[in-house]
PDB file of N, CA and C in Angstrom:
ATOM      1  N   MET A   1     150.905  48.734 103.380  1.00  0.00           N
ATOM      2  CA  MET A   1     150.047  48.027 104.704  1.00  0.00           C
ATOM      3  C   MET A   1     150.512  47.140 105.620  1.00  0.00           C
ATOM      4  N   GLU A   2     151.431  46.010 104.897  1.00  0.00           N
ATOM      5  CA  GLU A   2     151.877  44.565 104.970  1.00  0.00           C
ATOM      6  C   GLU A   2     152.811  45.188 106.025  1.00  0.00           C
ATOM      7  N   LYS A   3     153.653  46.235 105.388  1.00  0.00           N
ATOM      8  CA  LYS A   3     154.827  46.530 106.752  1.00  0.00           C
ATOM      9  C   LYS A   3     154.748  46.420 108.138  1.00  0.00           C
ATOM     10  N   ALA A   4     153.542  46.927 108.125  1.00  0.00           N
ATOM     11  CA  ALA A   4     152.458  48.227 109.043  1.00  0.00           C
ATOM     12  C   ALA A   4     152.003  46.524 110.074  1.00  0.00           C
ATOM     13  N   GLY A   5     152.209  45.654 109.609  1.00  0.00           N
ATOM     14  CA  GLY A   5     151.466  44.454 110.487  1.00  0.00           C
ATOM     15  C   GLY A   5     149.923  44.128 110.297  1.00  0.00           C
ATOM     16  N   TRP A   6     149.232  45.443 108.895  1.00  0.00           N
ATOM     17  CA  TRP A   6     148.067  44.757 108.417  1.00  0.00           C
ATOM     18  C   TRP A   6     147.907  43.479 107.334  1.00  0.00           C
ATOM     19  N   ARG A   7     146.673  42.614 107.115  1.00  0.00           N
ATOM     20  CA  ARG A   7     146.533  42.025 106.715  1.00  0.00           C
ATOM     21  C   ARG A   7     146.046  42.419 105.126  1.00  0.00           C
ATOM     22  N   TYR A   8     146.367  41.630 104.039  1.00  0.00           N
ATOM     23  CA  TYR A   8     144.889  42.236 102.665  1.00  0.00           C
ATOM     24  C   TYR A   8     143.934  41.415 103.077  1.00  0.00           C
ATOM     25  N   GLU A   9     142.608  41.586 103.156  1.00  0.00           N
ATOM     26  CA  GLU A   9     141.090  41.173 102.999  1.00  0.00           C
ATOM     27  C   GLU A   9     141.436  40.730 101.799  1.00  0.00           C
ATOM     28  N   LYS A  10     140.778  41.918 101.028  1.00  0.00           N
ATOM     29  CA  LYS A  10     139.729  41.937  99.286  1.00  0.00           C
ATOM     30  C   LYS A  10     139.867  43.752  98.723  1.00  0.00           C
ATOM     31  N   ASP A  11     139.881  42.979  97.695  1.00  0.00           N
ATOM     32  CA  ASP A  11     139.443  44.372  96.408  1.00  0.00           C
ATOM     33  C   ASP A  11     138.020  44.152  96.222  1.00  0.00           C
ATOM     34  N   THR A  12     137.440  45.545  96.392  1.00  0.00           N
ATOM     35  CA  THR A  12     135.965  45.738  96.034  1.00  0.00           C
ATOM     36  C   THR A  12     135.751  46.632  95.498  1.00  0.00           C
ATOM     37  N   HIS A  13     133.904  47.324  95.320  1.00  0.00           N
ATOM     38  CA  HIS A  13     133.873  48.522  94.941  1.00  0.00           C
ATOM     39  C   HIS A  13     132.931  49.166  95.523  1.00  0.00           C
ATOM     40  N   PHE A  14     132.735  50.542  96.052  1.00  0.00           N
ATOM     41  CA  PHE A  14     131.835  50.937  97.492  1.00  0.00           C
ATOM     42  C   PHE A  14     131.421  52.101  95.840  1.00  0.00           C
ATOM     43  N   TYR A  15     130.501  52.530  95.984  1.00  0.00           N
ATOM     44  CA  TYR A  15     129.817  53.787  95.385  1.00  0.00           C
ATOM     45  C   TYR A  15     130.639  54.048  93.402  1.00  0.00           C
ATOM     46  N   ASN A  16     131.125  53.130  93.199  1.00  0.00           N
ATOM     47  CA  ASN A  16     131.885  53.232  91.543  1.00  0.00           C
ATOM     48  C   ASN A  16     133.285  53.665  92.331  1.00  0.00           C
ATOM     49  N   LEU A  17     134.021  53.349  92.931  1.00  0.00           N
ATOM     50  CA  LEU A  17     135.261  53.566  94.252  1.00  0.00           C
ATOM     51  C   LEU A  17     135.840  52.487  93.770  1.00  0.00           C
ATOM     52  N   ASP A  18     136.690  51.750  93.323  1.00  0.00           N
ATOM     53  CA  ASP A  18     137.779  50.743  94.016  1.00  0.00           C
ATOM     54  C   ASP A  18     138.349  51.051  95.495  1.00  0.00           C
ATOM     55  N   VAL A  19     138.446  50.092  96.018  1.00  0.00           N
ATOM     56  CA  VAL A  19     138.848  50.051  97.120  1.00  0.00           C
ATOM     57  C   VAL A  19     139.341  48.708  97.940  1.00  0.00           C
ATOM     58  N   VAL A  20     140.129  48.436  98.848  1.00  0.00           N
ATOM     59  CA  VAL A  20     141.009  47.524  99.042  1.00  0.00           C
ATOM     60  C   VAL A  20     140.345  47.214 101.280  1.00  0.00           C
ATOM     61  N   TYR A  21     140.482  46.574 101.146  1.00  0.00           N
ATOM     62  CA  TYR A  21     139.737  45.973 102.504  1.00  0.00           C
ATOM     63  C   TYR A  21     141.705  45.529 103.280  1.00  0.00           C
ATOM     64  N   TYR A  22     141.780  46.051 104.107  1.00  0.00           N
ATOM     65  CA  TYR A  22     143.246  45.642 105.094  1.00  0.00           C
ATOM     66  C   TYR A  22     142.293  45.382 106.158  1.00  0.00           C
ATOM     67  N   ALA A  23     142.846  44.162 106.905  1.00  0.00           N
ATOM     68  CA  ALA A  23     142.777  43.879 108.864  1.00  0.00           C
ATOM     69  C   ALA A  23     144.088  43.722 109.594  1.00  0.00           C
ATOM     70  N   LEU A  24     144.023  44.366 110.828  1.00  0.00           N
ATOM     71  CA  LEU A  24     144.965  43.830 111.951  1.00  0.00           C
ATOM     72  C   LEU A  24     144.456  43.163 112.465  1.00  0.00           C
ATOM     73  N   SER A  25     144.842  42.298 113.434  1.00  0.00           N
ATOM     74  CA  SER A  25     144.611  40.874 114.357  1.00  0.00           C
ATOM     75  C   SER A  25     144.721  42.077 115.608  1.00  0.00           C
ATOM     76  N   GLN A  26     143.917  41.233 116.074  1.00  0.00           N
ATOM     77  CA  GLN A  26     143.509  41.428 117.858  1.00  0.00           C
ATOM     78  C   GLN A  26     145.184  41.989 118.573  1.00  0.00           C
ATOM     79  N   GLU A  27     145.831  40.742 117.943  1.00  0.00           N
ATOM     80  CA  GLU A  27     146.889  40.273 118.490  1.00  0.00           C
ATOM     81  C   GLU A  27     148.494  40.938 118.284  1.00  0.00           C
ATOM     82  N   ALA A  28     148.155  41.817 116.950  1.00  0.00           N
ATOM     83  CA  ALA A  28     149.029  42.928 116.601  1.00  0.00           C
ATOM     84  C   ALA A  28     149.149  44.404 117.121  1.00  0.00           C
ATOM     85  N   TRP A  29     147.895  44.269 117.621  1.00  0.00           N
ATOM     86  CA  TRP A  29     147.519  45.839 117.782  1.00  0.00           C
ATOM     87  C   TRP A  29     148.048  46.315 119.213  1.00  0.00           C
ATOM     88  N   GLN A  30     148.988  46.872 119.151  1.00  0.00           N
ATOM     89  CA  GLN A  30     149.209  48.078 120.195  1.00  0.00           C
ATOM     90  C   GLN A  30     149.396  49.574 120.098  1.00  0.00           C
ATOM     91  N   PRO A  31     148.135  49.392 121.321  1.00  0.00           N
ATOM     92  CA  PRO A  31     147.470  50.658 121.397  1.00  0.00           C
ATOM     93  C   PRO A  31     148.803  51.250 121.992  1.00  0.00           C
ATOM     94  N   ASP A  32     148.498  52.671 122.083  1.00  0.00           N
ATOM     95  CA  ASP A  32     149.124  53.992 123.086  1.00  0.00           C
ATOM     96  C   ASP A  32     148.199  54.437 123.511  1.00  0.00           C
ATOM     97  N   ASP A  33     148.461  55.984 124.736  1.00  0.00           N
ATOM     98  CA  ASP A  33     147.750  56.791 125.093  1.00  0.00           C
ATOM     99  C   ASP A  33     146.926  57.737 124.081  1.00  0.00           C
ATOM    100  N   SER A  34     146.848  57.058 122.924  1.00  0.00           N
ATOM    101  CA  SER A  34     146.010  57.766 122.064  1.00  0.00           C
ATOM    102  C   SER A  34     144.527  57.709 121.766  1.00  0.00           C
ATOM    103  N   PHE A  35     143.685  58.545 121.922  1.00  0.00           N
ATOM    104  CA  PHE A  35     142.623  58.302 121.607  1.00  0.00           C
ATOM    105  C   PHE A  35     142.210  57.140 120.325  1.00  0.00           C
ATOM    106  N   TYR A  36     141.497  55.710 120.692  1.00  0.00           N
ATOM    107  CA  TYR A  36     141.412  54.703 119.304  1.00  0.00           C
ATOM    108  C   TYR A  36     140.094  54.319 120.169  1.00  0.00           C
ATOM    109  N   SER A  37     138.770  53.541 119.045  1.00  0.00           N
ATOM    110  CA  SER A  37     138.071  52.773 118.902  1.00  0.00           C
ATOM    111  C   SER A  37     137.859  51.282 118.239  1.00  0.00           C
ATOM    112  N   LEU A  38     137.777  50.555 118.946  1.00  0.00           N
ATOM    113  CA  LEU A  38     137.044  48.888 118.603  1.00  0.00           C
ATOM    114  C   LEU A  38     136.040  48.828 118.707  1.00  0.00           C
ATOM    115  N   ARG A  39     135.714  48.038 116.862  1.00  0.00           N
ATOM    116  CA  ARG A  39     134.645  47.802 116.808  1.00  0.00           C
ATOM    117  C   ARG A  39     134.483  46.033 116.366  1.00  0.00           C
ATOM    118  N   LEU A  40     133.400  45.561 116.923  1.00  0.00           N
ATOM    119  CA  LEU A  40     133.271  44.360 116.718  1.00  0.00           C
ATOM    120  C   LEU A  40     133.050  43.477 115.277  1.00  0.00           C
ATOM    121  N   ARG A  41     134.052  42.569 114.638  1.00  0.00           N
ATOM    122  CA  ARG A  41     133.101  42.412 113.070  1.00  0.00           C
ATOM    123  C   ARG A  41     132.326  41.518 113.686  1.00  0.00           C
ATOM    124  N   SER A  42     131.178  41.133 113.194  1.00  0.00           N
ATOM    125  CA  SER A  42     130.254  39.718 113.436  1.00  0.00           C
ATOM    126  C   SER A  42     130.791  38.955 111.991  1.00  0.00           C
ATOM    127  N   PRO A  43     130.756  37.174 112.543  1.00  0.00           N
ATOM    128  CA  PRO A  43     131.427  36.167 111.319  1.00  0.00           C
ATOM    129  C   PRO A  43     130.564  35.857 110.483  1.00  0.00           C
TER     130      PRO A  43
END
């Protein structure tokens, strides 16, 4: 994920599953003409 520009956030659990959070900065985002959706995360 890091090679693709994603930054590690944290390890956590979700319904007894181990999950890993990654984030991509707005500056690193390079959209093309594919469909995508942006969500604003509250601080």
